[in-house]
């Protein structure tokens, strides 16, 4: 039974580290917004008259 508790503790610790890292990445490292426009191949835009 102690090995089960040790395993659950290690898995919980690892999950906490992963979730903490994801939180830090999401909060402190916001990407710089920029506009990107690319033509889509095979799509033609009809001009209105």
PDB file of N, CA and C in Angstrom:
ATOM      1  N   UNK A   1       0.810  -1.210   0.000  1.00  0.00           N
ATOM      2  CA  UNK A   1       0.000   0.000   0.000  1.00  0.00           C
ATOM      3  C   UNK A   1       0.852   1.272   0.000  1.00  0.00           C
ATOM      4  N   UNK A   2       2.001   1.319   0.697  1.00  0.00           N
ATOM      5  CA  UNK A   2       2.803   2.548   0.652  1.00  0.00           C
ATOM      6  C   UNK A   2       3.291   2.883  -0.757  1.00  0.00           C
ATOM      7  N   UNK A   3       3.524   1.858  -1.589  1.00  0.00           N
ATOM      8  CA  UNK A   3       3.979   2.152  -2.948  1.00  0.00           C
ATOM      9  C   UNK A   3       2.866   2.828  -3.749  1.00  0.00           C
ATOM     10  N   UNK A   4       1.615   2.502  -3.458  1.00  0.00           N
ATOM     11  CA  UNK A   4       0.492   3.164  -4.130  1.00  0.00           C
ATOM     12  C   UNK A   4       0.449   4.637  -3.750  1.00  0.00           C
ATOM     13  N   UNK A   5       0.628   4.928  -2.462  1.00  0.00           N
ATOM     14  CA  UNK A   5       0.625   6.327  -2.025  1.00  0.00           C
ATOM     15  C   UNK A   5       1.796   7.096  -2.631  1.00  0.00           C
ATOM     16  N   UNK A   6       2.943   6.459  -2.699  1.00  0.00           N
ATOM     17  CA  UNK A   6       4.116   7.102  -3.290  1.00  0.00           C
ATOM     18  C   UNK A   6       3.867   7.374  -4.772  1.00  0.00           C
ATOM     19  N   UNK A   7       3.288   6.426  -5.477  1.00  0.00           N
ATOM     20  CA  UNK A   7       2.978   6.601  -6.895  1.00  0.00           C
ATOM     21  C   UNK A   7       1.984   7.743  -7.091  1.00  0.00           C
ATOM     22  N   UNK A   8       0.920   7.773  -6.293  1.00  0.00           N
ATOM     23  CA  UNK A   8      -0.068   8.843  -6.415  1.00  0.00           C
ATOM     24  C   UNK A   8       0.541  10.201  -6.080  1.00  0.00           C
ATOM     25  N   UNK A   9       1.434  10.233  -5.115  1.00  0.00           N
ATOM     26  CA  UNK A   9       2.101  11.484  -4.765  1.00  0.00           C
ATOM     27  C   UNK A   9       2.972  11.980  -5.923  1.00  0.00           C
ATOM     28  N   UNK A  10       3.724  11.086  -6.541  1.00  0.00           N
ATOM     29  CA  UNK A  10       4.594  11.468  -7.659  1.00  0.00           C
ATOM     30  C   UNK A  10       3.757  11.916  -8.854  1.00  0.00           C
ATOM     31  N   UNK A  11       2.686  11.214  -9.149  1.00  0.00           N
ATOM     32  CA  UNK A  11       1.814  11.606 -10.267  1.00  0.00           C
ATOM     33  C   UNK A  11       1.155  12.951  -9.981  1.00  0.00           C
ATOM     34  N   UNK A  12       0.701  13.164  -8.761  1.00  0.00           N
ATOM     35  CA  UNK A  12       0.098  14.443  -8.397  1.00  0.00           C
ATOM     36  C   UNK A  12       1.104  15.587  -8.462  1.00  0.00           C
ATOM     37  N   UNK A  13       2.325  15.325  -8.013  1.00  0.00           N
ATOM     38  CA  UNK A  13       3.374  16.339  -8.082  1.00  0.00           C
ATOM     39  C   UNK A  13       3.688  16.695  -9.530  1.00  0.00           C
ATOM     40  N   UNK A  14       3.803  15.696 -10.379  1.00  0.00           N
ATOM     41  CA  UNK A  14       4.078  15.924 -11.797  1.00  0.00           C
ATOM     42  C   UNK A  14       2.936  16.700 -12.454  1.00  0.00           C
ATOM     43  N   UNK A  15       1.699  16.325 -12.156  1.00  0.00           N
ATOM     44  CA  UNK A  15       0.545  17.037 -12.723  1.00  0.00           C
ATOM     45  C   UNK A  15       0.515  18.485 -12.245  1.00  0.00           C
ATOM     46  N   UNK A  16       0.844  18.715 -10.977  1.00  0.00           N
ATOM     47  CA  UNK A  16       0.894  20.078 -10.455  1.00  0.00           C
ATOM     48  C   UNK A  16       1.961  20.912 -11.136  1.00  0.00           C
ATOM     49  N   UNK A  17       3.114  20.324 -11.389  1.00  0.00           N
ATOM     50  CA  UNK A  17       4.182  21.042 -12.093  1.00  0.00           C
ATOM     51  C   UNK A  17       3.774  21.390 -13.519  1.00  0.00           C
ATOM     52  N   UNK A  18       3.144  20.446 -14.199  1.00  0.00           N
ATOM     53  CA  UNK A  18       2.704  20.696 -15.573  1.00  0.00           C
ATOM     54  C   UNK A  18       1.639  21.787 -15.605  1.00  0.00           C
ATOM     55  N   UNK A  19       0.652  21.691 -14.731  1.00  0.00           N
ATOM     56  CA  UNK A  19      -0.402  22.701 -14.707  1.00  0.00           C
ATOM     57  C   UNK A  19       0.136  24.067 -14.286  1.00  0.00           C
ATOM     58  N   UNK A  20       1.051  24.088 -13.339  1.00  0.00           N
ATOM     59  CA  UNK A  20       1.671  25.347 -12.936  1.00  0.00           C
ATOM     60  C   UNK A  20       2.461  25.962 -14.078  1.00  0.00           C
ATOM     61  N   UNK A  21       3.184  25.146 -14.816  1.00  0.00           N
ATOM     62  CA  UNK A  21       3.933  25.651 -15.966  1.00  0.00           C
ATOM     63  C   UNK A  21       3.024  26.193 -17.051  1.00  0.00           C
ATOM     64  N   UNK A  22       1.931  25.497 -17.309  1.00  0.00           N
ATOM     65  CA  UNK A  22       0.973  25.983 -18.303  1.00  0.00           C
ATOM     66  C   UNK A  22       0.347  27.300 -17.868  1.00  0.00           C
ATOM     67  N   UNK A  23       0.059  27.434 -16.582  1.00  0.00           N
ATOM     68  CA  UNK A  23      -0.513  28.675 -16.068  1.00  0.00           C
ATOM     69  C   UNK A  23       0.469  29.835 -16.243  1.00  0.00           C
ATOM     70  N   UNK A  24       1.721  29.589 -15.881  1.00  0.00           N
ATOM     71  CA  UNK A  24       2.735  30.645 -16.018  1.00  0.00           C
ATOM     72  C   UNK A  24       2.895  31.038 -17.481  1.00  0.00           C
ATOM     73  N   UNK A  25       2.930  30.064 -18.384  1.00  0.00           N
ATOM     74  CA  UNK A  25       3.054  30.377 -19.808  1.00  0.00           C
ATOM     75  C   UNK A  25       1.850  31.163 -20.312  1.00  0.00           C
ATOM     76  N   UNK A  26       0.666  30.831 -19.834  1.00  0.00           N
ATOM     77  CA  UNK A  26      -0.545  31.502 -20.311  1.00  0.00           C
ATOM     78  C   UNK A  26      -0.658  32.918 -19.771  1.00  0.00           C
ATOM     79  N   UNK A  27      -0.182  33.169 -18.554  1.00  0.00           N
ATOM     80  CA  UNK A  27      -0.370  34.475 -17.931  1.00  0.00           C
ATOM     81  C   UNK A  27       0.771  35.435 -18.262  1.00  0.00           C
ATOM     82  N   UNK A  28       2.003  34.970 -18.196  1.00  0.00           N
ATOM     83  CA  UNK A  28       3.145  35.883 -18.300  1.00  0.00           C
ATOM     84  C   UNK A  28       3.740  35.996 -19.699  1.00  0.00           C
ATOM     85  N   UNK A  29       3.411  35.112 -20.605  1.00  0.00           N
ATOM     86  CA  UNK A  29       3.999  35.147 -21.935  1.00  0.00           C
ATOM     87  C   UNK A  29       2.915  35.282 -22.986  1.00  0.00           C
ATOM     88  N   UNK A  30       2.283  36.467 -23.022  1.00  0.00           N
ATOM     89  CA  UNK A  30       1.240  36.729 -24.010  1.00  0.00           C
ATOM     90  C   UNK A  30       1.886  36.988 -25.367  1.00  0.00           C
ATOM     91  N   UNK A  31       1.371  36.399 -26.431  1.00  0.00           N
ATOM     92  CA  UNK A  31       1.940  36.667 -27.750  1.00  0.00           C
ATOM     93  C   UNK A  31       1.580  38.073 -28.220  1.00  0.00           C
ATOM     94  N   UNK A  32       2.439  38.648 -29.043  1.00  0.00           N
ATOM     95  CA  UNK A  32       2.176  39.968 -29.607  1.00  0.00           C
ATOM     96  C   UNK A  32       1.193  39.798 -30.762  1.00  0.00           C
ATOM     97  N   UNK A  33       0.013  40.451 -30.687  1.00  0.00           N
ATOM     98  CA  UNK A  33      -0.954  40.282 -31.768  1.00  0.00           C
ATOM     99  C   UNK A  33      -0.491  41.001 -33.034  1.00  0.00           C
ATOM    100  N   UNK A  34      -0.605  40.333 -34.167  1.00  0.00           N
ATOM    101  CA  UNK A  34      -0.298  40.959 -35.437  1.00  0.00           C
ATOM    102  C   UNK A  34      -1.223  40.396 -36.500  1.00  0.00           C
ATOM    103  N   UNK A  35      -1.430  41.181 -37.518  1.00  0.00           N
ATOM    104  CA  UNK A  35      -2.379  40.803 -38.557  1.00  0.00           C
ATOM    105  C   UNK A  35      -1.643  40.059 -39.668  1.00  0.00           C
ATOM    106  N   UNK A  36      -2.201  38.954 -40.068  1.00  0.00           N
ATOM    107  CA  UNK A  36      -1.612  38.156 -41.141  1.00  0.00           C
ATOM    108  C   UNK A  36      -2.675  37.934 -42.203  1.00  0.00           C
ATOM    109  N   UNK A  37      -2.325  38.203 -43.431  1.00  0.00           N
ATOM    110  CA  UNK A  37      -3.258  37.907 -44.520  1.00  0.00           C
ATOM    111  C   UNK A  37      -2.520  37.139 -45.604  1.00  0.00           C
ATOM    112  N   UNK A  38      -3.087  36.009 -45.973  1.00  0.00           N
ATOM    113  CA  UNK A  38      -2.488  35.168 -46.997  1.00  0.00           C
ATOM    114  C   UNK A  38      -3.576  34.788 -47.990  1.00  0.00           C
ATOM    115  N   UNK A  39      -3.239  34.745 -49.251  1.00  0.00           N
ATOM    116  CA  UNK A  39      -4.232  34.265 -50.212  1.00  0.00           C
ATOM    117  C   UNK A  39      -4.444  32.752 -50.057  1.00  0.00           C
ATOM    118  N   UNK A  40      -5.689  32.347 -50.149  1.00  0.00           N
ATOM    119  CA  UNK A  40      -6.024  30.932 -50.053  1.00  0.00           C
ATOM    120  C   UNK A  40      -6.051  30.378 -51.473  1.00  0.00           C
ATOM    121  N   UNK A  41      -5.242  29.358 -51.744  1.00  0.00           N
ATOM    122  CA  UNK A  41      -5.208  28.838 -53.117  1.00  0.00           C
ATOM    123  C   UNK A  41      -6.541  28.202 -53.518  1.00  0.00           C
ATOM    124  N   UNK A  42      -6.985  28.518 -54.724  1.00  0.00           N
ATOM    125  CA  UNK A  42      -8.199  27.916 -55.249  1.00  0.00           C
ATOM    126  C   UNK A  42      -9.453  28.669 -54.898  1.00  0.00           C
ATOM    127  N   UNK A  43      -9.368  29.799 -54.210  1.00  0.00           N
ATOM    128  CA  UNK A  43     -10.552  30.564 -53.852  1.00  0.00           C
ATOM    129  C   UNK A  43     -10.492  31.905 -54.575  1.00  0.00           C
ATOM    130  N   UNK A  44     -11.535  32.194 -55.333  1.00  0.00           N
ATOM    131  CA  UNK A  44     -11.588  33.464 -56.042  1.00  0.00           C
ATOM    132  C   UNK A  44     -12.654  34.344 -55.409  1.00  0.00           C
ATOM    133  N   UNK A  45     -12.351  35.607 -55.296  1.00  0.00           N
ATOM    134  CA  UNK A  45     -13.288  36.553 -54.706  1.00  0.00           C
ATOM    135  C   UNK A  45     -14.019  37.253 -55.841  1.00  0.00           C
ATOM    136  N   UNK A  46     -15.349  37.220 -55.770  1.00  0.00           N
ATOM    137  CA  UNK A  46     -16.143  37.911 -56.792  1.00  0.00           C
ATOM    138  C   UNK A  46     -16.225  39.383 -56.447  1.00  0.00           C
ATOM    139  N   UNK A  47     -15.999  40.214 -57.439  1.00  0.00           N
ATOM    140  CA  UNK A  47     -16.130  41.674 -57.233  1.00  0.00           C
ATOM    141  C   UNK A  47     -17.572  42.062 -57.404  1.00  0.00           C
ATOM    142  N   UNK A  48     -18.081  42.869 -56.494  1.00  0.00           N
ATOM    143  CA  UNK A  48     -19.470  43.301 -56.577  1.00  0.00           C
ATOM    144  C   UNK A  48     -19.591  44.465 -57.548  1.00  0.00           C
ATOM    145  N   UNK A  49     -20.732  44.517 -58.253  1.00  0.00           N
ATOM    146  CA  UNK A  49     -20.933  45.546 -59.260  1.00  0.00           C
ATOM    147  C   UNK A  49     -21.710  46.699 -58.712  1.00  0.00           C
TER     148      UNK A  49
END
